[in-house]
């Protein structure tokens, strides 16, 4: 699966819809297996903190998947990073930035994502300009982390198999 597509209210049917986008290497796929997710009450926690000069960085998000950060670029007006996911990661919570002493550096921003559908790489651009950020603090960003996503379980025993062959 390469994207989660659209989730939301459908005014034409007055119901809720979910759509998914798949990248199929095999055009002769015979079936599709849907595995339900159960969300549990565990709180997400910050993962290990890594030096941004030692790329790639792999974050084990949960027992089912990981996020691999390949590139991070920081300047006075933007933070741009590129990553991809392996396995099942229902969402990527974004990066948390730190100085060399592992003190979190917060800032106000807007952001956007661009997904390369051929490679699966996602490039996130964090726009810092115009938000009154402390540029001195941003220049001290040396380390990065993210949050785990362990508050869900895949319910393999409740999977549904959909036959796609006619």
N, C-alpha and C. Protein backbone atom coordinates (compact mmCIF):
# COMPACT_ATOMS: atom_id res chain seq x y z
N UNK A 1 0.85 -1.16 0.00
CA UNK A 1 0.00 0.00 0.00
C UNK A 1 0.90 1.23 0.00
N UNK A 2 0.62 2.18 -0.84
CA UNK A 2 1.45 3.38 -0.91
C UNK A 2 0.78 4.60 -0.33
N UNK A 3 -0.49 4.55 -0.06
CA UNK A 3 -1.15 5.71 0.50
C UNK A 3 -2.44 5.34 1.16
N UNK A 4 -2.87 6.17 2.08
CA UNK A 4 -4.09 5.89 2.79
C UNK A 4 -5.28 6.55 2.12
N UNK A 5 -5.03 7.29 1.03
CA UNK A 5 -6.11 7.86 0.26
C UNK A 5 -6.93 8.84 1.05
N UNK A 6 -8.24 8.65 1.01
CA UNK A 6 -9.16 9.59 1.62
C UNK A 6 -10.00 8.88 2.67
N UNK A 7 -10.20 9.53 3.79
CA UNK A 7 -11.10 9.04 4.82
C UNK A 7 -12.02 10.20 5.15
N UNK A 8 -13.31 9.97 5.12
CA UNK A 8 -14.21 11.06 5.45
C UNK A 8 -15.64 10.81 5.06
N UNK A 9 -16.46 11.83 5.24
CA UNK A 9 -17.88 11.76 4.95
C UNK A 9 -18.12 11.88 3.45
N UNK A 10 -18.98 11.03 2.93
CA UNK A 10 -19.35 11.05 1.52
C UNK A 10 -20.77 11.60 1.43
N UNK A 11 -20.91 12.82 0.92
CA UNK A 11 -22.23 13.47 0.86
C UNK A 11 -23.17 12.80 -0.12
N UNK A 12 -22.65 12.06 -1.09
CA UNK A 12 -23.53 11.40 -2.07
C UNK A 12 -24.23 10.18 -1.47
N UNK A 13 -23.59 9.51 -0.53
CA UNK A 13 -24.20 8.33 0.10
C UNK A 13 -24.59 8.59 1.54
N UNK A 14 -24.22 9.77 2.05
CA UNK A 14 -24.46 10.14 3.45
C UNK A 14 -23.81 9.12 4.40
N UNK A 15 -22.66 8.62 4.02
CA UNK A 15 -21.94 7.66 4.85
C UNK A 15 -20.48 8.03 4.93
N UNK A 16 -19.75 7.22 5.64
CA UNK A 16 -18.31 7.42 5.79
C UNK A 16 -17.60 6.48 4.83
N UNK A 17 -16.58 6.98 4.15
CA UNK A 17 -15.84 6.16 3.20
C UNK A 17 -14.36 6.15 3.54
N UNK A 18 -13.70 5.11 3.16
CA UNK A 18 -12.25 4.98 3.25
C UNK A 18 -11.76 4.55 1.88
N UNK A 19 -10.68 5.15 1.43
CA UNK A 19 -10.09 4.69 0.17
C UNK A 19 -8.60 4.48 0.38
N UNK A 20 -8.06 3.54 -0.35
CA UNK A 20 -6.65 3.20 -0.24
C UNK A 20 -6.05 3.14 -1.63
N UNK A 21 -4.77 3.42 -1.70
CA UNK A 21 -4.06 3.37 -2.96
C UNK A 21 -3.00 2.29 -2.84
N UNK A 22 -2.93 1.41 -3.83
CA UNK A 22 -1.99 0.30 -3.80
C UNK A 22 -1.01 0.39 -4.95
N UNK A 23 0.21 0.01 -4.69
CA UNK A 23 1.23 -0.08 -5.71
C UNK A 23 1.46 -1.58 -5.96
N UNK A 24 0.96 -2.06 -7.07
CA UNK A 24 1.05 -3.49 -7.35
C UNK A 24 2.22 -3.79 -8.27
N UNK A 25 3.10 -4.62 -7.82
CA UNK A 25 4.18 -5.09 -8.69
C UNK A 25 3.69 -6.24 -9.55
N UNK A 26 2.74 -6.98 -9.01
CA UNK A 26 2.20 -8.14 -9.70
C UNK A 26 0.79 -7.81 -10.19
N UNK A 27 0.63 -7.65 -11.49
CA UNK A 27 -0.68 -7.31 -12.07
C UNK A 27 -1.65 -8.49 -12.01
N UNK A 28 -1.14 -9.69 -11.73
CA UNK A 28 -1.98 -10.88 -11.69
C UNK A 28 -2.35 -11.26 -10.27
N UNK A 29 -2.42 -10.28 -9.37
CA UNK A 29 -2.74 -10.56 -7.97
C UNK A 29 -4.13 -11.22 -7.89
N UNK A 30 -4.24 -12.26 -7.10
CA UNK A 30 -5.46 -13.06 -7.03
C UNK A 30 -6.37 -12.68 -5.87
N UNK A 31 -5.78 -12.13 -4.79
CA UNK A 31 -6.61 -11.81 -3.63
C UNK A 31 -5.98 -10.67 -2.84
N UNK A 32 -6.81 -10.11 -1.98
CA UNK A 32 -6.40 -9.01 -1.11
C UNK A 32 -6.80 -9.38 0.30
N UNK A 33 -5.88 -9.23 1.25
CA UNK A 33 -6.15 -9.57 2.65
C UNK A 33 -6.21 -8.29 3.47
N UNK A 34 -7.35 -8.05 4.10
CA UNK A 34 -7.54 -6.89 4.97
C UNK A 34 -7.44 -7.35 6.42
N UNK A 35 -6.57 -6.67 7.18
CA UNK A 35 -6.35 -7.04 8.58
C UNK A 35 -6.83 -5.89 9.45
N UNK A 36 -7.84 -6.14 10.30
CA UNK A 36 -8.33 -5.06 11.17
C UNK A 36 -7.29 -4.63 12.20
N UNK A 37 -7.46 -3.41 12.67
CA UNK A 37 -6.59 -2.83 13.69
C UNK A 37 -7.40 -2.60 14.95
N UNK A 38 -6.83 -2.94 16.10
CA UNK A 38 -7.46 -2.62 17.38
C UNK A 38 -6.55 -1.62 18.08
N UNK A 39 -7.14 -0.48 18.44
CA UNK A 39 -6.37 0.53 19.17
C UNK A 39 -6.55 0.30 20.66
N UNK A 40 -5.44 0.37 21.39
CA UNK A 40 -5.44 0.15 22.84
C UNK A 40 -4.95 1.41 23.53
N UNK A 41 -5.02 1.45 24.82
CA UNK A 41 -4.79 2.67 25.57
C UNK A 41 -3.36 3.03 25.89
N UNK A 42 -2.38 2.38 25.29
CA UNK A 42 -0.99 2.72 25.59
C UNK A 42 -0.64 4.10 25.08
N UNK A 43 0.14 4.83 25.85
CA UNK A 43 0.58 6.16 25.43
C UNK A 43 1.85 6.05 24.59
N UNK A 44 1.89 6.80 23.50
CA UNK A 44 3.09 6.80 22.68
C UNK A 44 4.23 7.48 23.42
N UNK A 45 5.44 6.98 23.22
CA UNK A 45 6.63 7.50 23.90
C UNK A 45 7.68 7.90 22.87
N UNK A 46 8.51 8.85 23.26
CA UNK A 46 9.60 9.29 22.40
C UNK A 46 10.60 8.14 22.25
N UNK A 47 11.09 7.94 21.05
CA UNK A 47 12.08 6.89 20.79
C UNK A 47 13.49 7.42 21.06
N UNK A 48 14.49 6.59 20.84
CA UNK A 48 15.87 7.01 21.02
C UNK A 48 16.16 8.24 20.17
N UNK A 49 17.07 9.07 20.65
CA UNK A 49 17.45 10.31 19.97
C UNK A 49 18.74 10.06 19.20
N UNK A 50 18.76 10.48 17.91
CA UNK A 50 19.92 10.24 17.05
C UNK A 50 20.50 11.54 16.51
N UNK A 51 21.79 11.50 16.23
CA UNK A 51 22.51 12.61 15.63
C UNK A 51 22.11 12.72 14.16
N UNK A 52 21.71 13.92 13.71
CA UNK A 52 21.25 14.08 12.33
C UNK A 52 22.37 13.97 11.30
N UNK A 53 23.62 13.97 11.76
CA UNK A 53 24.75 13.81 10.85
C UNK A 53 25.05 12.35 10.54
N UNK A 54 24.32 11.43 11.18
CA UNK A 54 24.57 10.00 10.98
C UNK A 54 23.36 9.34 10.33
N UNK A 55 23.15 9.69 9.08
CA UNK A 55 22.03 9.16 8.32
C UNK A 55 22.43 7.91 7.55
N UNK A 56 21.56 7.00 7.24
CA UNK A 56 20.14 7.02 7.55
C UNK A 56 19.87 6.68 9.02
N UNK A 57 18.72 7.10 9.50
CA UNK A 57 18.27 6.82 10.87
C UNK A 57 17.02 5.97 10.76
N UNK A 58 17.00 4.85 11.48
CA UNK A 58 15.84 3.96 11.47
C UNK A 58 15.13 4.03 12.82
N UNK A 59 13.84 4.33 12.78
CA UNK A 59 13.01 4.35 13.97
C UNK A 59 12.04 3.16 13.91
N UNK A 60 12.13 2.27 14.90
CA UNK A 60 11.20 1.15 15.02
C UNK A 60 9.93 1.71 15.65
N UNK A 61 8.93 2.00 14.83
CA UNK A 61 7.72 2.69 15.27
C UNK A 61 6.83 1.76 16.10
N UNK A 62 6.75 0.52 15.69
CA UNK A 62 5.97 -0.50 16.40
C UNK A 62 6.50 -1.86 15.99
N UNK A 63 5.86 -2.90 16.46
CA UNK A 63 6.35 -4.25 16.13
C UNK A 63 6.10 -4.62 14.67
N UNK A 64 5.34 -3.79 13.96
CA UNK A 64 4.97 -4.10 12.58
C UNK A 64 5.71 -3.27 11.53
N UNK A 65 6.32 -2.15 11.95
CA UNK A 65 6.92 -1.30 10.93
C UNK A 65 7.91 -0.29 11.47
N UNK A 66 8.61 0.34 10.53
CA UNK A 66 9.63 1.32 10.89
C UNK A 66 9.64 2.46 9.87
N UNK A 67 10.25 3.57 10.29
CA UNK A 67 10.44 4.75 9.45
C UNK A 67 11.94 4.95 9.29
N UNK A 68 12.39 5.14 8.07
CA UNK A 68 13.81 5.34 7.79
C UNK A 68 13.99 6.76 7.24
N UNK A 69 14.71 7.59 8.00
CA UNK A 69 15.01 8.97 7.58
C UNK A 69 16.29 8.92 6.76
N UNK A 70 16.21 9.36 5.51
CA UNK A 70 17.38 9.32 4.62
C UNK A 70 18.12 10.63 4.54
N UNK A 71 17.41 11.74 4.70
CA UNK A 71 18.05 13.04 4.52
C UNK A 71 17.36 14.08 5.38
N UNK A 72 18.14 14.98 5.97
CA UNK A 72 17.62 16.11 6.73
C UNK A 72 18.44 17.34 6.35
N UNK A 73 17.74 18.39 5.92
CA UNK A 73 18.39 19.66 5.60
C UNK A 73 17.72 20.75 6.43
N UNK A 74 18.55 21.58 7.09
CA UNK A 74 18.03 22.64 7.94
C UNK A 74 18.69 23.96 7.56
N UNK A 75 17.85 25.00 7.38
CA UNK A 75 18.37 26.35 7.21
C UNK A 75 17.48 27.31 7.98
N UNK A 76 17.67 28.61 7.83
CA UNK A 76 16.91 29.59 8.61
C UNK A 76 15.42 29.58 8.33
N UNK A 77 15.01 29.14 7.15
CA UNK A 77 13.60 29.25 6.80
C UNK A 77 12.88 27.91 6.66
N UNK A 78 13.63 26.81 6.55
CA UNK A 78 12.99 25.50 6.31
C UNK A 78 13.77 24.36 6.95
N UNK A 79 13.02 23.31 7.27
CA UNK A 79 13.59 22.01 7.57
C UNK A 79 12.97 21.07 6.55
N UNK A 80 13.81 20.36 5.82
CA UNK A 80 13.33 19.43 4.80
C UNK A 80 13.91 18.06 5.12
N UNK A 81 13.04 17.06 5.22
CA UNK A 81 13.55 15.71 5.44
C UNK A 81 12.82 14.71 4.56
N UNK A 82 13.55 13.68 4.18
CA UNK A 82 13.02 12.63 3.31
C UNK A 82 13.09 11.31 4.04
N UNK A 83 12.00 10.55 3.96
CA UNK A 83 11.93 9.26 4.64
C UNK A 83 11.07 8.30 3.83
N UNK A 84 11.12 7.02 4.24
CA UNK A 84 10.21 6.03 3.72
C UNK A 84 9.83 5.09 4.85
N UNK A 85 8.78 4.34 4.65
CA UNK A 85 8.30 3.42 5.68
C UNK A 85 8.42 1.99 5.20
N UNK A 86 8.73 1.10 6.13
CA UNK A 86 8.73 -0.33 5.84
C UNK A 86 7.77 -0.98 6.81
N UNK A 87 7.00 -1.95 6.30
CA UNK A 87 6.02 -2.62 7.14
C UNK A 87 4.79 -1.76 7.33
N UNK A 88 4.09 -1.97 8.43
CA UNK A 88 2.85 -1.25 8.70
C UNK A 88 3.09 -0.12 9.69
N UNK A 89 2.98 1.09 9.19
CA UNK A 89 3.06 2.30 10.01
C UNK A 89 1.80 3.10 9.66
N UNK A 90 0.79 3.12 10.55
CA UNK A 90 -0.47 3.77 10.18
C UNK A 90 -0.34 5.26 9.95
N UNK A 91 0.59 5.89 10.60
CA UNK A 91 0.89 7.29 10.36
C UNK A 91 2.27 7.59 10.91
N UNK A 92 2.90 8.59 10.36
CA UNK A 92 4.21 9.02 10.83
C UNK A 92 3.97 10.30 11.62
N UNK A 93 4.33 10.30 12.88
CA UNK A 93 3.95 11.38 13.78
C UNK A 93 4.78 12.65 13.62
N UNK A 94 5.74 12.64 12.74
CA UNK A 94 6.60 13.81 12.58
C UNK A 94 7.83 13.71 13.46
N UNK A 95 8.81 14.49 13.14
CA UNK A 95 10.06 14.44 13.88
C UNK A 95 10.04 15.44 15.03
N UNK A 96 10.84 15.12 16.05
CA UNK A 96 11.06 16.00 17.20
C UNK A 96 12.55 16.34 17.16
N UNK A 97 12.87 17.63 17.28
CA UNK A 97 14.24 18.09 17.12
C UNK A 97 14.85 18.50 18.46
N UNK A 98 16.19 18.27 18.57
CA UNK A 98 16.91 18.51 19.82
C UNK A 98 18.25 19.19 19.53
N UNK A 99 18.80 19.84 20.57
CA UNK A 99 20.15 20.37 20.46
C UNK A 99 21.14 19.27 20.83
N UNK A 100 22.43 19.59 20.88
CA UNK A 100 23.45 18.57 21.15
C UNK A 100 23.34 17.96 22.55
N UNK A 101 22.67 18.67 23.48
CA UNK A 101 22.47 18.16 24.85
C UNK A 101 21.13 17.45 25.02
N UNK A 102 20.46 17.18 23.91
CA UNK A 102 19.17 16.50 23.88
C UNK A 102 18.06 17.29 24.55
N UNK A 103 18.17 18.62 24.49
CA UNK A 103 17.08 19.50 24.92
C UNK A 103 16.21 19.75 23.71
N UNK A 104 14.90 19.51 23.86
CA UNK A 104 13.99 19.67 22.73
C UNK A 104 13.93 21.12 22.27
N UNK A 105 13.92 21.29 20.95
CA UNK A 105 13.80 22.61 20.34
C UNK A 105 12.43 22.68 19.66
N UNK A 106 11.57 23.52 20.20
CA UNK A 106 10.24 23.68 19.64
C UNK A 106 10.19 24.92 18.76
N UNK A 107 9.23 24.95 17.86
CA UNK A 107 9.06 26.08 16.97
C UNK A 107 7.66 26.04 16.37
N UNK A 108 7.22 27.18 15.85
CA UNK A 108 5.96 27.28 15.13
C UNK A 108 6.25 27.14 13.64
N UNK A 109 5.32 26.54 12.91
CA UNK A 109 5.61 26.28 11.49
C UNK A 109 4.34 25.92 10.73
N UNK A 110 4.50 25.81 9.45
CA UNK A 110 3.51 25.16 8.59
C UNK A 110 4.29 24.09 7.83
N UNK A 111 3.59 23.16 7.25
CA UNK A 111 4.31 22.09 6.58
C UNK A 111 3.56 21.52 5.39
N UNK A 112 4.30 20.77 4.60
CA UNK A 112 3.71 20.08 3.45
C UNK A 112 4.49 18.80 3.20
N UNK A 113 3.84 17.87 2.51
CA UNK A 113 4.49 16.61 2.16
C UNK A 113 4.35 16.35 0.67
N UNK A 114 5.37 15.73 0.12
CA UNK A 114 5.36 15.32 -1.28
C UNK A 114 5.77 13.86 -1.33
N UNK A 115 4.91 13.03 -1.90
CA UNK A 115 5.20 11.59 -1.96
C UNK A 115 5.57 11.18 -3.37
N UNK A 116 6.73 10.53 -3.50
CA UNK A 116 7.16 9.98 -4.77
C UNK A 116 6.52 8.60 -4.89
N UNK A 117 5.55 8.45 -5.78
CA UNK A 117 4.81 7.20 -5.89
C UNK A 117 5.63 6.07 -6.51
N UNK A 118 6.72 6.39 -7.17
CA UNK A 118 7.56 5.34 -7.73
C UNK A 118 8.50 4.76 -6.69
N UNK A 119 9.04 5.62 -5.80
CA UNK A 119 10.02 5.14 -4.82
C UNK A 119 9.44 4.94 -3.43
N UNK A 120 8.27 5.55 -3.16
CA UNK A 120 7.69 5.48 -1.82
C UNK A 120 8.30 6.48 -0.85
N UNK A 121 9.23 7.30 -1.33
CA UNK A 121 9.87 8.30 -0.47
C UNK A 121 8.92 9.48 -0.26
N UNK A 122 8.91 9.98 0.97
CA UNK A 122 8.10 11.14 1.33
C UNK A 122 9.05 12.24 1.75
N UNK A 123 8.88 13.41 1.15
CA UNK A 123 9.68 14.57 1.53
C UNK A 123 8.76 15.55 2.26
N UNK A 124 9.12 15.85 3.49
CA UNK A 124 8.36 16.79 4.32
C UNK A 124 9.12 18.10 4.38
N UNK A 125 8.40 19.19 4.11
CA UNK A 125 8.98 20.53 4.20
C UNK A 125 8.30 21.26 5.35
N UNK A 126 9.09 21.68 6.32
CA UNK A 126 8.60 22.46 7.45
C UNK A 126 9.01 23.90 7.20
N UNK A 127 8.02 24.77 7.01
CA UNK A 127 8.28 26.18 6.76
C UNK A 127 8.32 26.93 8.09
N UNK A 128 9.45 27.57 8.37
CA UNK A 128 9.66 28.27 9.64
C UNK A 128 9.47 29.77 9.52
N UNK A 129 9.54 30.26 8.30
CA UNK A 129 9.52 31.70 8.05
C UNK A 129 8.17 32.32 8.40
N UNK A 130 8.22 33.49 9.05
CA UNK A 130 7.01 34.24 9.35
C UNK A 130 6.30 33.84 10.63
N UNK A 131 6.92 33.02 11.45
CA UNK A 131 6.29 32.55 12.67
C UNK A 131 6.99 33.07 13.93
N UNK A 132 7.95 33.97 13.77
CA UNK A 132 8.64 34.54 14.93
C UNK A 132 9.51 33.54 15.68
N UNK A 133 10.06 32.56 14.97
CA UNK A 133 10.91 31.54 15.61
C UNK A 133 12.27 32.11 15.99
N UNK A 134 12.86 31.52 17.01
CA UNK A 134 14.21 31.87 17.44
C UNK A 134 15.19 31.16 16.50
N UNK A 135 15.71 31.90 15.53
CA UNK A 135 16.61 31.31 14.53
C UNK A 135 17.89 30.78 15.16
N UNK A 136 18.32 31.38 16.26
CA UNK A 136 19.50 30.89 16.97
C UNK A 136 19.24 29.48 17.51
N UNK A 137 18.07 29.26 18.07
CA UNK A 137 17.73 27.93 18.59
C UNK A 137 17.65 26.91 17.46
N UNK A 138 17.03 27.30 16.35
CA UNK A 138 16.89 26.39 15.22
C UNK A 138 18.27 26.01 14.66
N UNK A 139 19.20 26.94 14.67
CA UNK A 139 20.55 26.65 14.18
C UNK A 139 21.28 25.64 15.06
N UNK A 140 20.77 25.40 16.27
CA UNK A 140 21.40 24.45 17.21
C UNK A 140 20.84 23.03 17.09
N UNK A 141 19.92 22.81 16.16
CA UNK A 141 19.37 21.47 15.99
C UNK A 141 20.48 20.53 15.54
N UNK A 142 20.69 19.48 16.34
CA UNK A 142 21.74 18.49 16.05
C UNK A 142 21.22 17.06 16.10
N UNK A 143 20.06 16.87 16.73
CA UNK A 143 19.55 15.51 16.95
C UNK A 143 18.06 15.45 16.65
N UNK A 144 17.57 14.23 16.50
CA UNK A 144 16.19 14.03 16.09
C UNK A 144 15.63 12.75 16.70
N UNK A 145 14.33 12.72 16.88
CA UNK A 145 13.62 11.51 17.29
C UNK A 145 12.19 11.60 16.75
N UNK A 146 11.39 10.65 17.12
CA UNK A 146 9.96 10.63 16.83
C UNK A 146 9.28 9.81 17.90
N UNK A 147 7.99 9.68 17.83
CA UNK A 147 7.23 8.89 18.80
C UNK A 147 6.93 7.52 18.23
N UNK A 148 6.88 6.53 19.13
CA UNK A 148 6.47 5.20 18.70
C UNK A 148 4.97 5.21 18.44
N UNK A 149 4.48 4.12 17.92
CA UNK A 149 3.06 3.97 17.67
C UNK A 149 2.69 2.55 18.05
N UNK A 150 2.68 2.30 19.36
CA UNK A 150 2.43 0.94 19.85
C UNK A 150 1.03 0.76 20.40
N UNK A 151 0.19 1.77 20.26
CA UNK A 151 -1.14 1.65 20.85
C UNK A 151 -2.14 1.00 19.90
N UNK A 152 -1.66 0.10 19.09
CA UNK A 152 -2.55 -0.66 18.22
C UNK A 152 -2.01 -2.06 18.01
N UNK A 153 -2.91 -2.95 17.69
CA UNK A 153 -2.55 -4.34 17.39
C UNK A 153 -3.23 -4.73 16.09
N UNK A 154 -2.52 -5.49 15.27
CA UNK A 154 -3.12 -6.05 14.07
C UNK A 154 -3.80 -7.36 14.46
N UNK A 155 -5.05 -7.50 14.07
CA UNK A 155 -5.86 -8.67 14.44
C UNK A 155 -5.86 -9.67 13.29
N UNK A 156 -4.76 -10.39 13.17
CA UNK A 156 -4.59 -11.33 12.07
C UNK A 156 -5.70 -12.39 12.04
N UNK A 157 -6.16 -12.81 13.22
CA UNK A 157 -7.18 -13.85 13.28
C UNK A 157 -8.55 -13.37 12.79
N UNK A 158 -8.71 -12.07 12.58
CA UNK A 158 -9.97 -11.52 12.07
C UNK A 158 -9.82 -11.00 10.63
N UNK A 159 -8.75 -11.40 9.97
CA UNK A 159 -8.49 -10.92 8.61
C UNK A 159 -9.59 -11.36 7.66
N UNK A 160 -9.80 -10.55 6.63
CA UNK A 160 -10.78 -10.84 5.59
C UNK A 160 -10.02 -10.98 4.27
N UNK A 161 -10.28 -12.08 3.59
CA UNK A 161 -9.64 -12.31 2.30
C UNK A 161 -10.64 -11.98 1.19
N UNK A 162 -10.23 -11.13 0.25
CA UNK A 162 -11.10 -10.73 -0.86
C UNK A 162 -10.52 -11.34 -2.14
N UNK A 163 -11.31 -12.16 -2.80
CA UNK A 163 -10.91 -12.79 -4.04
C UNK A 163 -11.02 -11.77 -5.17
N UNK A 164 -9.93 -11.55 -5.91
CA UNK A 164 -9.93 -10.57 -6.99
C UNK A 164 -9.99 -11.21 -8.37
N UNK A 165 -9.94 -12.53 -8.44
CA UNK A 165 -9.99 -13.20 -9.75
C UNK A 165 -11.44 -13.49 -10.10
N UNK A 166 -11.72 -13.45 -11.39
CA UNK A 166 -13.11 -13.66 -11.87
C UNK A 166 -13.35 -15.10 -12.22
